[in-house]
Amino acid sequence: MNKRILLLVSFFFLVIGINAQTAKSLYVNMPDSLNQLLTKVNREDFADFLASKMKAVVQNKFDKKSEMKELTDDYLMVQTTESSTFQMKILPLSDSTRIICAVKTFYGPACDSEVHFYNMKWKEMPASNYITLPSQADFFVSVDTTQEESFIMASSVLTMDLVKADLSSKDQKISFMYTTPETLGRDDLAKLSPFLKKDAVKMEWKKGRFVKE
């Protein structure tokens, strides 16, 4: 077997190996630096419990409970603590290349999320290469000149931007909900509500990037 054939065979098995990686195997082998609350044994136990049709609950490093809520070949969701969750989804970049999208959500005065992207070896990639995150304006309806003053007054109470991201387990989509209004008092929320869109901002993975539906 000459060198060219050996290289082709090696590449073939490398591609198969990359494509064969599941959410389970990637999560189990993710660097501890990216998941400091759960050990590799914890992450292995999650999958074993689910495979045995048991509740996937483990004791994390803080002696608190963490639970894997859902696991498929390309998606998982973990309730890391009472006030945080972790989601990940494997997405295609090409026929032979995949990327990991990970969403960390924290529950403070309202939900707020971070969206990260990693290659299949858990090296972080620039998020801007794969998504343009929604701006505050994306969550509001268009206003005409007769509503402009009322909108300016109503939105003046918004001193921060909190957004909850949610990866879909069923398809290659991500949605965003504007959660800052949940921190407002009743009167301020009543003034702002007429200007808020009712639906989440939804994006779909197309040609290696999340784009708005």
Protein backbone atom coordinates (compact mmCIF):
# COMPACT_ATOMS: atom_id res chain seq x y z
CA MET A 1 0.00 0.00 0.00
CA ASN A 2 1.65 3.25 -1.10
CA LYS A 3 1.78 6.46 0.91
CA ARG A 4 -1.05 8.12 -1.03
CA ILE A 5 -3.45 5.27 -0.27
CA LEU A 6 -2.37 5.26 3.38
CA LEU A 7 -3.08 9.00 3.61
CA LEU A 8 -6.51 8.56 2.01
CA VAL A 9 -7.38 5.70 4.37
CA SER A 10 -6.20 7.71 7.39
CA PHE A 11 -8.24 10.71 6.30
CA PHE A 12 -11.29 8.50 5.75
CA PHE A 13 -11.12 7.11 9.28
CA LEU A 14 -10.44 10.56 10.70
CA VAL A 15 -13.61 11.91 9.08
CA ILE A 16 -15.61 8.92 10.32
CA GLY A 17 -14.24 9.48 13.81
CA ILE A 18 -15.21 13.16 13.82
CA ASN A 19 -18.70 12.47 12.53
CA ALA A 20 -19.16 9.60 14.98
CA GLN A 21 -18.71 11.87 18.00
CA THR A 22 -21.98 12.37 19.81
CA ALA A 23 -23.11 14.96 22.31
CA LYS A 24 -22.51 12.37 25.02
CA SER A 25 -18.90 11.62 24.07
CA LEU A 26 -18.05 15.29 23.53
CA TYR A 27 -19.57 16.30 26.86
CA VAL A 28 -17.84 13.52 28.78
CA ASN A 29 -14.48 14.51 27.30
CA MET A 30 -14.85 18.27 27.49
CA PRO A 31 -12.02 20.02 29.40
CA ASP A 32 -12.67 20.42 33.11
CA SER A 33 -11.77 24.09 32.71
CA LEU A 34 -15.02 24.54 30.76
CA ASN A 35 -17.11 22.69 33.34
CA GLN A 36 -15.51 23.25 36.73
CA LEU A 37 -18.56 22.18 38.72
CA LEU A 38 -18.79 18.63 37.34
CA THR A 39 -16.07 16.00 37.07
CA LYS A 40 -15.60 13.64 34.15
CA VAL A 41 -17.06 10.88 36.33
CA ASN A 42 -20.14 13.06 36.97
CA ARG A 43 -20.59 13.56 33.24
CA GLU A 44 -20.21 9.84 32.56
CA ASP A 45 -22.74 9.04 35.28
CA PHE A 46 -25.33 11.30 33.68
CA ALA A 47 -25.37 9.27 30.49
CA ASP A 48 -25.26 5.94 32.33
CA PHE A 49 -28.27 6.88 34.46
CA LEU A 50 -30.29 7.95 31.43
CA ALA A 51 -29.34 4.75 29.57
CA SER A 52 -30.69 2.80 32.55
CA LYS A 53 -33.88 4.90 32.46
CA MET A 54 -33.02 6.42 35.83
CA LYS A 55 -33.17 10.06 36.85
CA ALA A 56 -29.79 11.50 35.84
CA VAL A 57 -28.85 13.30 39.06
CA VAL A 58 -25.32 13.60 40.48
CA GLN A 59 -23.64 15.43 43.36
CA ASN A 60 -21.48 18.23 41.96
CA LYS A 61 -18.30 19.63 43.51
CA PHE A 62 -20.36 21.90 45.77
CA ASP A 63 -22.27 18.84 47.08
CA LYS A 64 -25.37 20.14 45.36
CA LYS A 65 -27.50 18.30 42.82
CA SER A 66 -26.99 18.62 39.07
CA GLU A 67 -29.31 16.89 36.62
CA MET A 68 -29.12 16.01 32.93
CA LYS A 69 -32.60 16.76 31.61
CA GLU A 70 -32.23 15.67 27.99
CA LEU A 71 -29.74 13.80 25.81
CA THR A 72 -29.81 12.95 22.10
CA ASP A 73 -27.05 12.17 19.61
CA ASP A 74 -26.51 15.87 18.86
CA TYR A 75 -27.98 17.71 21.86
CA LEU A 76 -27.98 17.78 25.64
CA MET A 77 -29.25 19.96 28.44
CA VAL A 78 -28.04 19.95 32.05
CA GLN A 79 -29.50 21.74 35.04
CA THR A 80 -26.08 22.54 36.48
CA THR A 81 -27.35 24.30 39.60
CA GLU A 82 -30.67 25.66 40.80
CA SER A 83 -29.74 28.91 39.07
CA SER A 84 -27.89 27.80 35.93
CA THR A 85 -28.21 25.49 32.93
CA PHE A 86 -25.94 24.24 30.16
CA GLN A 87 -27.02 23.27 26.64
CA MET A 88 -24.96 22.08 23.70
CA LYS A 89 -25.73 21.20 20.10
CA ILE A 90 -23.55 19.67 17.38
CA LEU A 91 -23.97 21.54 14.10
CA PRO A 92 -22.59 20.87 10.61
CA LEU A 93 -20.13 23.20 8.93
CA SER A 94 -19.65 20.91 5.93
CA ASP A 95 -20.02 17.25 5.02
CA SER A 96 -16.98 16.39 7.13
CA THR A 97 -16.76 19.18 9.72
CA ARG A 98 -18.85 19.84 12.79
CA ILE A 99 -18.95 22.58 15.41
CA ILE A 100 -20.31 22.74 18.94
CA CYS A 101 -22.70 25.49 20.01
CA ALA A 102 -22.94 25.81 23.80
CA VAL A 103 -25.35 27.98 25.77
CA LYS A 104 -24.86 28.79 29.43
CA THR A 105 -27.87 30.38 31.13
CA PHE A 106 -27.86 32.04 34.53
CA TYR A 107 -30.90 32.92 36.63
CA GLY A 108 -30.46 36.21 38.47
CA PRO A 109 -33.05 38.94 38.54
CA ALA A 110 -34.00 37.33 35.19
CA CYS A 111 -32.48 34.75 32.83
CA ASP A 112 -29.36 35.75 30.92
CA SER A 113 -27.37 33.56 28.52
CA GLU A 114 -23.92 33.29 26.99
CA VAL A 115 -23.51 31.68 23.56
CA HIS A 116 -20.18 30.04 22.71
CA PHE A 117 -18.83 28.02 19.79
CA TYR A 118 -16.11 25.35 19.91
CA ASN A 119 -14.47 23.05 17.42
CA MET A 120 -14.65 19.30 18.01
CA LYS A 121 -11.57 19.48 20.23
CA TRP A 122 -13.18 22.12 22.44
CA LYS A 123 -11.11 25.03 21.16
CA GLU A 124 -13.26 28.15 21.38
CA MET A 125 -14.06 29.83 18.08
CA PRO A 126 -15.15 33.47 17.56
CA ALA A 127 -18.93 33.53 18.05
CA SER A 128 -19.27 36.35 15.53
CA ASN A 129 -18.24 33.89 12.80
CA TYR A 130 -21.41 31.89 13.39
CA ILE A 131 -24.06 34.25 14.73
CA THR A 132 -25.06 37.90 15.02
CA LEU A 133 -26.71 38.12 18.41
CA PRO A 134 -29.99 40.05 18.51
CA SER A 135 -29.87 43.67 19.60
CA GLN A 136 -32.34 45.31 21.96
CA ALA A 137 -34.23 46.73 18.96
CA ASP A 138 -34.99 43.21 17.72
CA PHE A 139 -37.34 42.68 20.65
CA PHE A 140 -39.49 45.77 20.06
CA VAL A 141 -42.19 46.52 17.52
CA SER A 142 -41.74 49.43 15.12
CA VAL A 143 -43.21 52.67 16.39
CA ASP A 144 -44.49 55.60 14.38
CA THR A 145 -44.04 59.27 15.20
CA THR A 146 -47.20 59.39 17.32
CA GLN A 147 -45.82 56.66 19.61
CA GLU A 148 -42.20 57.74 19.69
CA GLU A 149 -42.37 59.89 22.81
CA SER A 150 -44.31 57.23 24.75
CA PHE A 151 -41.79 54.60 23.70
CA ILE A 152 -38.81 56.72 24.75
CA MET A 153 -40.38 57.31 28.17
CA ALA A 154 -41.34 53.65 28.62
CA SER A 155 -37.94 52.30 27.57
CA SER A 156 -35.94 54.79 29.64
CA VAL A 157 -36.22 52.43 32.64
CA LEU A 158 -34.17 49.75 30.82
CA THR A 159 -30.73 49.98 32.36
CA MET A 160 -29.41 46.56 31.24
CA ASP A 161 -29.98 43.98 28.52
CA LEU A 162 -30.76 40.43 29.64
CA VAL A 163 -31.50 37.80 27.00
CA LYS A 164 -32.28 34.10 27.39
CA ALA A 165 -31.06 31.81 24.59
CA ASP A 166 -32.51 28.37 24.02
CA LEU A 167 -31.16 25.68 21.67
CA SER A 168 -33.69 23.33 20.13
CA SER A 169 -33.24 19.60 20.71
CA LYS A 170 -35.41 18.75 17.69
CA ASP A 171 -33.87 20.86 14.94
CA GLN A 172 -31.01 23.23 14.21
CA LYS A 173 -32.57 26.37 15.67
CA ILE A 174 -31.91 28.79 18.49
CA SER A 175 -34.34 31.28 20.02
CA PHE A 176 -33.86 34.40 22.11
CA MET A 177 -36.23 35.97 24.64
CA TYR A 178 -35.71 39.46 26.05
CA THR A 179 -35.89 38.98 29.82
CA THR A 180 -35.01 42.48 31.07
CA PRO A 181 -38.73 43.37 31.41
CA GLU A 182 -39.00 40.66 34.09
CA THR A 183 -36.91 42.89 36.36
CA LEU A 184 -39.31 45.84 36.12
CA GLY A 185 -42.02 46.86 38.52
CA ARG A 186 -45.67 46.43 37.57
CA ASP A 187 -46.23 50.05 36.46
CA ASP A 188 -43.06 50.24 34.34
CA LEU A 189 -43.82 46.88 32.74
CA ALA A 190 -47.37 47.97 31.88
CA LYS A 191 -46.01 51.03 30.06
CA LEU A 192 -43.40 49.01 28.17
CA SER A 193 -45.50 45.96 27.24
CA PRO A 194 -47.32 47.50 24.23
CA PHE A 195 -43.97 47.96 22.52
CA LEU A 196 -42.57 44.48 23.17
CA LYS A 197 -42.79 41.74 20.56
CA LYS A 198 -44.71 38.73 21.83
CA ASP A 199 -42.60 36.09 20.07
CA ALA A 200 -38.98 35.12 20.55
CA VAL A 201 -36.32 36.04 18.01
CA LYS A 202 -35.69 32.77 16.17
CA MET A 203 -32.69 31.77 14.10
CA GLU A 204 -31.93 28.71 11.99
CA TRP A 205 -28.57 27.14 11.15
CA LYS A 206 -27.89 27.53 7.45
CA LYS A 207 -24.58 27.10 5.62
CA GLY A 208 -22.50 27.28 8.79
CA ARG A 209 -24.23 30.23 10.47
CA PHE A 210 -27.35 31.06 12.46
CA VAL A 211 -29.61 33.38 10.47
CA LYS A 212 -32.97 34.93 11.38
CA GLU A 213 -36.03 33.07 10.22
